[in-house]
């Protein structure tokens, strides 16, 4: 029974790791699009901006960054996702290892 639970936790860790990687890639794409795709109606660009804006906007409001300055929220979120993702992944894998024996 614990081996099944261990496998489920490992699968959850893998899914979360993949989600964090996708979010990091979207943030990198957003960073590049800030320079090249301003005001574009391309559906792909709109998708990237909408997905990343849901993560960036709360951080931007907490930092008090205006739109005219450098967007520090992108950097903060990028490194936060890397740190938090690594931290959660290691914890889940240790729990799965403990349960799996």
Foldseek 3Di string as FASTA:
>chain_A
DLLVVLVVLLVVLVVLLVVLVVLLVLLVVLVVCVVPPPPHPPPVNVVSCVVVCVQQVVVCVVVVDDPVDDRCSSVVVNVVSVVVSVVSSVVSNVSSVVSND
